Amino acid sequence: MTDQELFQRNMDLQTAFIQYTLSHPEILDKLPTDYQLVILPEDEPELVRRNQELLEKQKFNKPIVVVRMKSPEPAKLKVFPPKVQILTAA
């Protein structure tokens, strides 16, 4: 897994966690106000290993919240080309 792939997977997991908290806001009551989030996906052993390595190397000044979850299915969004119109000033 390249560093770019690691970054992208972590962003995907953080997005999924944020979506979960939007649907289940009561979980936010259990979390500190300011924290460092680390997600360990149960079904991606390499990503867990890499995230644990980063966790051990980093020095954090905030509480660390470790979330264990299954990886979400990739979203299949179809992006349609936008229609752009430029209006001239009157």
PDB file of N, CA and C in Angstrom:
ATOM      1  N   MET A   1       0.847  -1.168   0.000  1.00  0.00           N
ATOM      2  CA  MET A   1       0.000   0.000   0.000  1.00  0.00           C
ATOM      3  C   MET A   1       0.898   1.238   0.000  1.00  0.00           C
ATOM      4  N   THR A   2       0.683   2.096  -0.966  1.00  0.00           N
ATOM      5  CA  THR A   2       1.474   3.323  -1.053  1.00  0.00           C
ATOM      6  C   THR A   2       0.985   4.325  -0.002  1.00  0.00           C
ATOM      7  N   ASP A   3       1.781   5.348   0.243  1.00  0.00           N
ATOM      8  CA  ASP A   3       1.370   6.386   1.179  1.00  0.00           C
ATOM      9  C   ASP A   3       0.098   7.080   0.707  1.00  0.00           C
ATOM     10  N   GLN A   4      -0.022   7.268  -0.592  1.00  0.00           N
ATOM     11  CA  GLN A   4      -1.225   7.911  -1.149  1.00  0.00           C
ATOM     12  C   GLN A   4      -2.455   7.021  -0.925  1.00  0.00           C
ATOM     13  N   GLU A   5      -2.311   5.712  -1.127  1.00  0.00           N
ATOM     14  CA  GLU A   5      -3.422   4.788  -0.887  1.00  0.00           C
ATOM     15  C   GLU A   5      -3.788   4.766   0.602  1.00  0.00           C
ATOM     16  N   LEU A   6      -2.769   4.796   1.457  1.00  0.00           N
ATOM     17  CA  LEU A   6      -2.997   4.839   2.898  1.00  0.00           C
ATOM     18  C   LEU A   6      -3.796   6.090   3.266  1.00  0.00           C
ATOM     19  N   PHE A   7      -3.383   7.219   2.738  1.00  0.00           N
ATOM     20  CA  PHE A   7      -4.083   8.474   2.994  1.00  0.00           C
ATOM     21  C   PHE A   7      -5.536   8.391   2.524  1.00  0.00           C
ATOM     22  N   GLN A   8      -5.750   7.896   1.304  1.00  0.00           N
ATOM     23  CA  GLN A   8      -7.096   7.837   0.741  1.00  0.00           C
ATOM     24  C   GLN A   8      -7.993   6.895   1.540  1.00  0.00           C
ATOM     25  N   ARG A   9      -7.480   5.732   1.918  1.00  0.00           N
ATOM     26  CA  ARG A   9      -8.281   4.780   2.707  1.00  0.00           C
ATOM     27  C   ARG A   9      -8.658   5.389   4.050  1.00  0.00           C
ATOM     28  N   ASN A  10      -7.698   6.075   4.683  1.00  0.00           N
ATOM     29  CA  ASN A  10      -8.008   6.714   5.962  1.00  0.00           C
ATOM     30  C   ASN A  10      -9.047   7.817   5.794  1.00  0.00           C
ATOM     31  N   MET A  11      -8.978   8.558   4.708  1.00  0.00           N
ATOM     32  CA  MET A  11      -9.990   9.588   4.450  1.00  0.00           C
ATOM     33  C   MET A  11     -11.368   8.950   4.242  1.00  0.00           C
ATOM     34  N   ASP A  12     -11.405   7.843   3.516  1.00  0.00           N
ATOM     35  CA  ASP A  12     -12.674   7.128   3.297  1.00  0.00           C
ATOM     36  C   ASP A  12     -13.257   6.649   4.628  1.00  0.00           C
ATOM     37  N   LEU A  13     -12.395   6.107   5.499  1.00  0.00           N
ATOM     38  CA  LEU A  13     -12.852   5.622   6.799  1.00  0.00           C
ATOM     39  C   LEU A  13     -13.325   6.769   7.686  1.00  0.00           C
ATOM     40  N   GLN A  14     -12.618   7.888   7.658  1.00  0.00           N
ATOM     41  CA  GLN A  14     -13.048   9.035   8.451  1.00  0.00           C
ATOM     42  C   GLN A  14     -14.390   9.568   7.961  1.00  0.00           C
ATOM     43  N   THR A  15     -14.570   9.584   6.643  1.00  0.00           N
ATOM     44  CA  THR A  15     -15.844  10.017   6.077  1.00  0.00           C
ATOM     45  C   THR A  15     -16.968   9.098   6.533  1.00  0.00           C
ATOM     46  N   ALA A  16     -16.727   7.785   6.506  1.00  0.00           N
ATOM     47  CA  ALA A  16     -17.735   6.818   6.948  1.00  0.00           C
ATOM     48  C   ALA A  16     -18.053   7.012   8.435  1.00  0.00           C
ATOM     49  N   PHE A  17     -17.024   7.272   9.241  1.00  0.00           N
ATOM     50  CA  PHE A  17     -17.256   7.489  10.666  1.00  0.00           C
ATOM     51  C   PHE A  17     -18.065   8.765  10.896  1.00  0.00           C
ATOM     52  N   ILE A  18     -17.754   9.814  10.165  1.00  0.00           N
ATOM     53  CA  ILE A  18     -18.517  11.066  10.287  1.00  0.00           C
ATOM     54  C   ILE A  18     -19.970  10.837   9.892  1.00  0.00           C
ATOM     55  N   GLN A  19     -20.184  10.097   8.807  1.00  0.00           N
ATOM     56  CA  GLN A  19     -21.555   9.793   8.383  1.00  0.00           C
ATOM     57  C   GLN A  19     -22.289   9.012   9.477  1.00  0.00           C
ATOM     58  N   TYR A  20     -21.587   8.091  10.122  1.00  0.00           N
ATOM     59  CA  TYR A  20     -22.190   7.327  11.212  1.00  0.00           C
ATOM     60  C   TYR A  20     -22.579   8.249  12.364  1.00  0.00           C
ATOM     61  N   THR A  21     -21.683   9.173  12.717  1.00  0.00           N
ATOM     62  CA  THR A  21     -21.992  10.078  13.829  1.00  0.00           C
ATOM     63  C   THR A  21     -23.160  11.007  13.494  1.00  0.00           C
ATOM     64  N   LEU A  22     -23.325  11.338  12.225  1.00  0.00           N
ATOM     65  CA  LEU A  22     -24.475  12.159  11.834  1.00  0.00           C
ATOM     66  C   LEU A  22     -25.775  11.395  12.018  1.00  0.00           C
ATOM     67  N   SER A  23     -25.731  10.085  11.792  1.00  0.00           N
ATOM     68  CA  SER A  23     -26.922   9.246  11.973  1.00  0.00           C
ATOM     69  C   SER A  23     -27.119   8.838  13.434  1.00  0.00           C
ATOM     70  N   HIS A  24     -26.046   8.849  14.220  1.00  0.00           N
ATOM     71  CA  HIS A  24     -26.081   8.432  15.625  1.00  0.00           C
ATOM     72  C   HIS A  24     -25.358   9.482  16.476  1.00  0.00           C
ATOM     73  N   PRO A  25     -25.919  10.685  16.575  1.00  0.00           N
ATOM     74  CA  PRO A  25     -25.215  11.782  17.260  1.00  0.00           C
ATOM     75  C   PRO A  25     -24.943  11.511  18.743  1.00  0.00           C
ATOM     76  N   GLU A  26     -25.641  10.554  19.327  1.00  0.00           N
ATOM     77  CA  GLU A  26     -25.419  10.255  20.746  1.00  0.00           C
ATOM     78  C   GLU A  26     -23.999   9.759  21.014  1.00  0.00           C
ATOM     79  N   ILE A  27     -23.333   9.216  19.996  1.00  0.00           N
ATOM     80  CA  ILE A  27     -21.947   8.753  20.180  1.00  0.00           C
ATOM     81  C   ILE A  27     -21.023   9.929  20.504  1.00  0.00           C
ATOM     82  N   LEU A  28     -21.368  11.113  20.016  1.00  0.00           N
ATOM     83  CA  LEU A  28     -20.532  12.289  20.257  1.00  0.00           C
ATOM     84  C   LEU A  28     -20.478  12.651  21.743  1.00  0.00           C
ATOM     85  N   ASP A  29     -21.512  12.274  22.499  1.00  0.00           N
ATOM     86  CA  ASP A  29     -21.517  12.548  23.940  1.00  0.00           C
ATOM     87  C   ASP A  29     -20.421  11.771  24.660  1.00  0.00           C
ATOM     88  N   LYS A  30     -19.972  10.672  24.071  1.00  0.00           N
ATOM     89  CA  LYS A  30     -18.948   9.832  24.695  1.00  0.00           C
ATOM     90  C   LYS A  30     -17.527  10.276  24.335  1.00  0.00           C
ATOM     91  N   LEU A  31     -17.401  11.146  23.351  1.00  0.00           N
ATOM     92  CA  LEU A  31     -16.080  11.544  22.853  1.00  0.00           C
ATOM     93  C   LEU A  31     -15.608  12.834  23.501  1.00  0.00           C
ATOM     94  N   PRO A  32     -14.293  12.992  23.666  1.00  0.00           N
ATOM     95  CA  PRO A  32     -13.773  14.269  24.172  1.00  0.00           C
ATOM     96  C   PRO A  32     -14.075  15.393  23.182  1.00  0.00           C
ATOM     97  N   THR A  33     -13.969  16.613  23.653  1.00  0.00           N
ATOM     98  CA  THR A  33     -14.248  17.752  22.770  1.00  0.00           C
ATOM     99  C   THR A  33     -13.220  17.882  21.658  1.00  0.00           C
ATOM    100  N   ASP A  34     -11.964  17.640  21.986  1.00  0.00           N
ATOM    101  CA  ASP A  34     -10.871  17.754  21.019  1.00  0.00           C
ATOM    102  C   ASP A  34     -10.054  16.470  21.108  1.00  0.00           C
ATOM    103  N   TYR A  35      -9.907  15.758  19.999  1.00  0.00           N
ATOM    104  CA  TYR A  35      -9.220  14.467  20.034  1.00  0.00           C
ATOM    105  C   TYR A  35      -8.584  14.145  18.701  1.00  0.00           C
ATOM    106  N   GLN A  36      -7.714  13.165  18.721  1.00  0.00           N
ATOM    107  CA  GLN A  36      -7.089  12.626  17.508  1.00  0.00           C
ATOM    108  C   GLN A  36      -7.787  11.308  17.206  1.00  0.00           C
ATOM    109  N   LEU A  37      -8.309  11.157  16.002  1.00  0.00           N
ATOM    110  CA  LEU A  37      -9.050   9.963  15.607  1.00  0.00           C
ATOM    111  C   LEU A  37      -8.133   8.982  14.886  1.00  0.00           C
ATOM    112  N   VAL A  38      -8.161   7.726  15.321  1.00  0.00           N
ATOM    113  CA  VAL A  38      -7.436   6.646  14.653  1.00  0.00           C
ATOM    114  C   VAL A  38      -8.448   5.541  14.399  1.00  0.00           C
ATOM    115  N   ILE A  39      -8.572   5.133  13.141  1.00  0.00           N
ATOM    116  CA  ILE A  39      -9.524   4.083  12.791  1.00  0.00           C
ATOM    117  C   ILE A  39      -8.750   2.831  12.404  1.00  0.00           C
ATOM    118  N   LEU A  40      -9.154   1.716  13.002  1.00  0.00           N
ATOM    119  CA  LEU A  40      -8.552   0.419  12.711  1.00  0.00           C
ATOM    120  C   LEU A  40      -9.635  -0.455  12.081  1.00  0.00           C
ATOM    121  N   PRO A  41      -9.625  -0.562  10.757  1.00  0.00           N
ATOM    122  CA  PRO A  41     -10.665  -1.340  10.082  1.00  0.00           C
ATOM    123  C   PRO A  41     -10.466  -2.836  10.300  1.00  0.00           C
ATOM    124  N   GLU A  42     -11.494  -3.500  10.793  1.00  0.00           N
ATOM    125  CA  GLU A  42     -11.427  -4.919  11.145  1.00  0.00           C
ATOM    126  C   GLU A  42     -11.096  -5.821   9.966  1.00  0.00           C
ATOM    127  N   ASP A  43     -11.393  -5.375   8.769  1.00  0.00           N
ATOM    128  CA  ASP A  43     -11.235  -6.236   7.598  1.00  0.00           C
ATOM    129  C   ASP A  43     -10.102  -5.801   6.666  1.00  0.00           C
ATOM    130  N   GLU A  44      -9.200  -4.958   7.155  1.00  0.00           N
ATOM    131  CA  GLU A  44      -8.049  -4.524   6.361  1.00  0.00           C
ATOM    132  C   GLU A  44      -6.784  -4.619   7.212  1.00  0.00           C
ATOM    133  N   PRO A  45      -6.216  -5.829   7.350  1.00  0.00           N
ATOM    134  CA  PRO A  45      -5.080  -6.020   8.244  1.00  0.00           C
ATOM    135  C   PRO A  45      -3.871  -5.131   7.931  1.00  0.00           C
ATOM    136  N   GLU A  46      -3.598  -4.901   6.659  1.00  0.00           N
ATOM    137  CA  GLU A  46      -2.448  -4.063   6.321  1.00  0.00           C
ATOM    138  C   GLU A  46      -2.664  -2.619   6.778  1.00  0.00           C
ATOM    139  N   LEU A  47      -3.866  -2.120   6.592  1.00  0.00           N
ATOM    140  CA  LEU A  47      -4.170  -0.758   7.019  1.00  0.00           C
ATOM    141  C   LEU A  47      -4.125  -0.650   8.548  1.00  0.00           C
ATOM    142  N   VAL A  48      -4.591  -1.667   9.239  1.00  0.00           N
ATOM    143  CA  VAL A  48      -4.501  -1.683  10.703  1.00  0.00           C
ATOM    144  C   VAL A  48      -3.038  -1.617  11.126  1.00  0.00           C
ATOM    145  N   ARG A  49      -2.206  -2.426  10.511  1.00  0.00           N
ATOM    146  CA  ARG A  49      -0.783  -2.447  10.852  1.00  0.00           C
ATOM    147  C   ARG A  49      -0.148  -1.085  10.624  1.00  0.00           C
ATOM    148  N   ARG A  50      -0.428  -0.483   9.463  1.00  0.00           N
ATOM    149  CA  ARG A  50       0.162   0.827   9.138  1.00  0.00           C
ATOM    150  C   ARG A  50      -0.345   1.912  10.088  1.00  0.00           C
ATOM    151  N   ASN A  51      -1.639   1.890  10.412  1.00  0.00           N
ATOM    152  CA  ASN A  51      -2.182   2.892  11.323  1.00  0.00           C
ATOM    153  C   ASN A  51      -1.633   2.713  12.735  1.00  0.00           C
ATOM    154  N   GLN A  52      -1.439   1.473  13.160  1.00  0.00           N
ATOM    155  CA  GLN A  52      -0.843   1.233  14.475  1.00  0.00           C
ATOM    156  C   GLN A  52       0.609   1.711  14.511  1.00  0.00           C
ATOM    157  N   GLU A  53       1.339   1.513  13.420  1.00  0.00           N
ATOM    158  CA  GLU A  53       2.717   2.013  13.349  1.00  0.00           C
ATOM    159  C   GLU A  53       2.739   3.538  13.470  1.00  0.00           C
ATOM    160  N   LEU A  54       1.833   4.200  12.758  1.00  0.00           N
ATOM    161  CA  LEU A  54       1.755   5.660  12.837  1.00  0.00           C
ATOM    162  C   LEU A  54       1.382   6.102  14.253  1.00  0.00           C
ATOM    163  N   LEU A  55       0.496   5.374  14.864  1.00  0.00           N
ATOM    164  CA  LEU A  55       0.062   5.694  16.217  1.00  0.00           C
ATOM    165  C   LEU A  55       1.222   5.600  17.202  1.00  0.00           C
ATOM    166  N   GLU A  56       2.050   4.597  17.044  1.00  0.00           N
ATOM    167  CA  GLU A  56       3.190   4.411  17.938  1.00  0.00           C
ATOM    168  C   GLU A  56       4.276   5.465  17.722  1.00  0.00           C
ATOM    169  N   LYS A  57       4.420   5.961  16.492  1.00  0.00           N
ATOM    170  CA  LYS A  57       5.461   6.938  16.172  1.00  0.00           C
ATOM    171  C   LYS A  57       5.071   8.375  16.535  1.00  0.00           C
ATOM    172  N   GLN A  58       3.781   8.669  16.497  1.00  0.00           N
ATOM    173  CA  GLN A  58       3.304  10.039  16.701  1.00  0.00           C
ATOM    174  C   GLN A  58       3.319  10.426  18.170  1.00  0.00           C
ATOM    175  N   LYS A  59       3.524  11.693  18.400  1.00  0.00           N
ATOM    176  CA  LYS A  59       3.368  12.282  19.726  1.00  0.00           C
ATOM    177  C   LYS A  59       2.093  13.119  19.653  1.00  0.00           C
ATOM    178  N   PHE A  60       1.134  12.807  20.488  1.00  0.00           N
ATOM    179  CA  PHE A  60      -0.146  13.499  20.454  1.00  0.00           C
ATOM    180  C   PHE A  60      -0.310  14.360  21.696  1.00  0.00           C
ATOM    181  N   ASN A  61      -0.858  15.545  21.503  1.00  0.00           N
ATOM    182  CA  ASN A  61      -1.155  16.443  22.610  1.00  0.00           C
ATOM    183  C   ASN A  61      -2.636  16.405  22.973  1.00  0.00           C
ATOM    184  N   LYS A  62      -3.359  15.504  22.334  1.00  0.00           N
ATOM    185  CA  LYS A  62      -4.800  15.384  22.542  1.00  0.00           C
ATOM    186  C   LYS A  62      -5.107  13.937  22.915  1.00  0.00           C
ATOM    187  N   PRO A  63      -6.279  13.712  23.494  1.00  0.00           N
ATOM    188  CA  PRO A  63      -6.691  12.325  23.710  1.00  0.00           C
ATOM    189  C   PRO A  63      -6.824  11.607  22.359  1.00  0.00           C
ATOM    190  N   ILE A  64      -6.525  10.322  22.349  1.00  0.00           N
ATOM    191  CA  ILE A  64      -6.626   9.524  21.131  1.00  0.00           C
ATOM    192  C   ILE A  64      -7.892   8.678  21.223  1.00  0.00           C
ATOM    193  N   VAL A  65      -8.735   8.781  20.210  1.00  0.00           N
ATOM    194  CA  VAL A  65      -9.934   7.959  20.120  1.00  0.00           C
ATOM    195  C   VAL A  65      -9.664   6.913  19.044  1.00  0.00           C
ATOM    196  N   VAL A  66      -9.682   5.644  19.454  1.00  0.00           N
ATOM    197  CA  VAL A  66      -9.460   4.547  18.516  1.00  0.00           C
ATOM    198  C   VAL A  66     -10.817   3.934  18.190  1.00  0.00           C
ATOM    199  N   VAL A  67     -11.126   3.881  16.916  1.00  0.00           N
ATOM    200  CA  VAL A  67     -12.391   3.324  16.443  1.00  0.00           C
ATOM    201  C   VAL A  67     -12.082   2.061  15.660  1.00  0.00           C
ATOM    202  N   ARG A  68     -12.740   0.982  16.012  1.00  0.00           N
ATOM    203  CA  ARG A  68     -12.636  -0.271  15.259  1.00  0.00           C
ATOM    204  C   ARG A  68     -13.952  -0.457  14.535  1.00  0.00           C
ATOM    205  N   MET A  69     -13.861  -0.633  13.235  1.00  0.00           N
ATOM    206  CA  MET A  69     -15.071  -0.766  12.418  1.00  0.00           C
ATOM    207  C   MET A  69     -14.749  -1.533  11.151  1.00  0.00           C
ATOM    208  N   LYS A  70     -15.780  -2.027  10.500  1.00  0.00           N
ATOM    209  CA  LYS A  70     -15.597  -2.652   9.197  1.00  0.00           C
ATOM    210  C   LYS A  70     -15.495  -1.554   8.153  1.00  0.00           C
ATOM    211  N   SER A  71     -14.749  -1.837   7.114  1.00  0.00           N
ATOM    212  CA  SER A  71     -14.609  -0.864   6.030  1.00  0.00           C
ATOM    213  C   SER A  71     -15.926  -0.733   5.285  1.00  0.00           C
ATOM    214  N   PRO A  72     -16.310   0.497   4.961  1.00  0.00           N
ATOM    215  CA  PRO A  72     -17.534   0.688   4.182  1.00  0.00           C
ATOM    216  C   PRO A  72     -17.301   0.285   2.729  1.00  0.00           C
ATOM    217  N   GLU A  73     -18.365  -0.065   2.086  1.00  0.00           N
ATOM    218  CA  GLU A  73     -18.287  -0.328   0.651  1.00  0.00           C
ATOM    219  C   GLU A  73     -17.987   0.981  -0.056  1.00  0.00           C
ATOM    220  N   PRO A  74     -17.152   0.947  -1.096  1.00  0.00           N
ATOM    221  CA  PRO A  74     -16.876   2.199  -1.808  1.00  0.00           C
ATOM    222  C   PRO A  74     -18.153   2.766  -2.422  1.00  0.00           C
ATOM    223  N   ALA A  75     -18.300   4.058  -2.293  1.00  0.00           N
ATOM    224  CA  ALA A  75     -19.469   4.721  -2.880  1.00  0.00           C
ATOM    225  C   ALA A  75     -19.328   4.728  -4.396  1.00  0.00           C
ATOM    226  N   LYS A  76     -20.411   4.461  -5.050  1.00  0.00           N
ATOM    227  CA  LYS A  76     -20.390   4.483  -6.507  1.00  0.00           C
ATOM    228  C   LYS A  76     -21.209   5.683  -6.954  1.00  0.00           C
ATOM    229  N   LEU A  77     -20.538   6.792  -7.036  1.00  0.00           N
ATOM    230  CA  LEU A  77     -21.200   8.025  -7.430  1.00  0.00           C
ATOM    231  C   LEU A  77     -20.878   8.321  -8.884  1.00  0.00           C
ATOM    232  N   LYS A  78     -21.890   8.601  -9.624  1.00  0.00           N
ATOM    233  CA  LYS A  78     -21.667   8.968 -11.008  1.00  0.00           C
ATOM    234  C   LYS A  78     -21.722  10.486 -11.091  1.00  0.00           C
ATOM    235  N   VAL A  79     -20.643  11.063 -11.555  1.00  0.00           N
ATOM    236  CA  VAL A  79     -20.572  12.517 -11.678  1.00  0.00           C
ATOM    237  C   VAL A  79     -20.888  12.879 -13.122  1.00  0.00           C
ATOM    238  N   PHE A  80     -21.877  13.729 -13.281  1.00  0.00           N
ATOM    239  CA  PHE A  80     -22.255  14.176 -14.619  1.00  0.00           C
ATOM    240  C   PHE A  80     -21.549  15.487 -14.914  1.00  0.00           C
ATOM    241  N   PRO A  81     -21.133  15.682 -16.155  1.00  0.00           N
ATOM    242  CA  PRO A  81     -20.457  16.944 -16.481  1.00  0.00           C
ATOM    243  C   PRO A  81     -21.406  18.116 -16.245  1.00  0.00           C
ATOM    244  N   PRO A  82     -20.925  19.162 -15.601  1.00  0.00           N
ATOM    245  CA  PRO A  82     -21.801  20.320 -15.360  1.00  0.00           C
ATOM    246  C   PRO A  82     -21.988  21.135 -16.632  1.00  0.00           C
ATOM    247  N   LYS A  83     -23.076  21.854 -16.665  1.00  0.00           N
ATOM    248  CA  LYS A  83     -23.305  22.799 -17.757  1.00  0.00           C
ATOM    249  C   LYS A  83     -22.920  24.167 -17.205  1.00  0.00           C
ATOM    250  N   VAL A  84     -21.966  24.791 -17.816  1.00  0.00           N
ATOM    251  CA  VAL A  84     -21.444  26.073 -17.330  1.00  0.00           C
ATOM    252  C   VAL A  84     -21.929  27.175 -18.258  1.00  0.00           C
ATOM    253  N   GLN A  85     -22.461  28.203 -17.667  1.00  0.00           N
ATOM    254  CA  GLN A  85     -22.934  29.357 -18.439  1.00  0.00           C
ATOM    255  C   GLN A  85     -22.281  30.587 -17.843  1.00  0.00           C
ATOM    256  N   ILE A  86     -21.702  31.430 -18.683  1.00  0.00           N
ATOM    257  CA  ILE A  86     -21.077  32.661 -18.220  1.00  0.00           C
ATOM    258  C   ILE A  86     -21.945  33.825 -18.678  1.00  0.00           C
ATOM    259  N   LEU A  87     -22.392  34.602 -17.710  1.00  0.00           N
ATOM    260  CA  LEU A  87     -23.227  35.752 -18.015  1.00  0.00           C
ATOM    261  C   LEU A  87     -22.353  37.005 -17.993  1.00  0.00           C
ATOM    262  N   THR A  88     -22.537  37.841 -18.962  1.00  0.00           N
ATOM    263  CA  THR A  88     -21.756  39.086 -18.978  1.00  0.00           C
ATOM    264  C   THR A  88     -22.410  40.120 -18.098  1.00  0.00           C
ATOM    265  N   ALA A  89     -21.600  41.003 -17.556  1.00  0.00           N
ATOM    266  CA  ALA A  89     -22.126  42.069 -16.709  1.00  0.00           C
ATOM    267  C   ALA A  89     -22.954  43.028 -17.551  1.00  0.00           C
ATOM    268  N   ALA A  90     -24.015  43.579 -16.961  1.00  0.00           N
ATOM    269  CA  ALA A  90     -24.904  44.486 -17.697  1.00  0.00           C
ATOM    270  C   ALA A  90     -24.325  45.860 -17.874  1.00  0.00           C
TER     271      ALA A  90
END
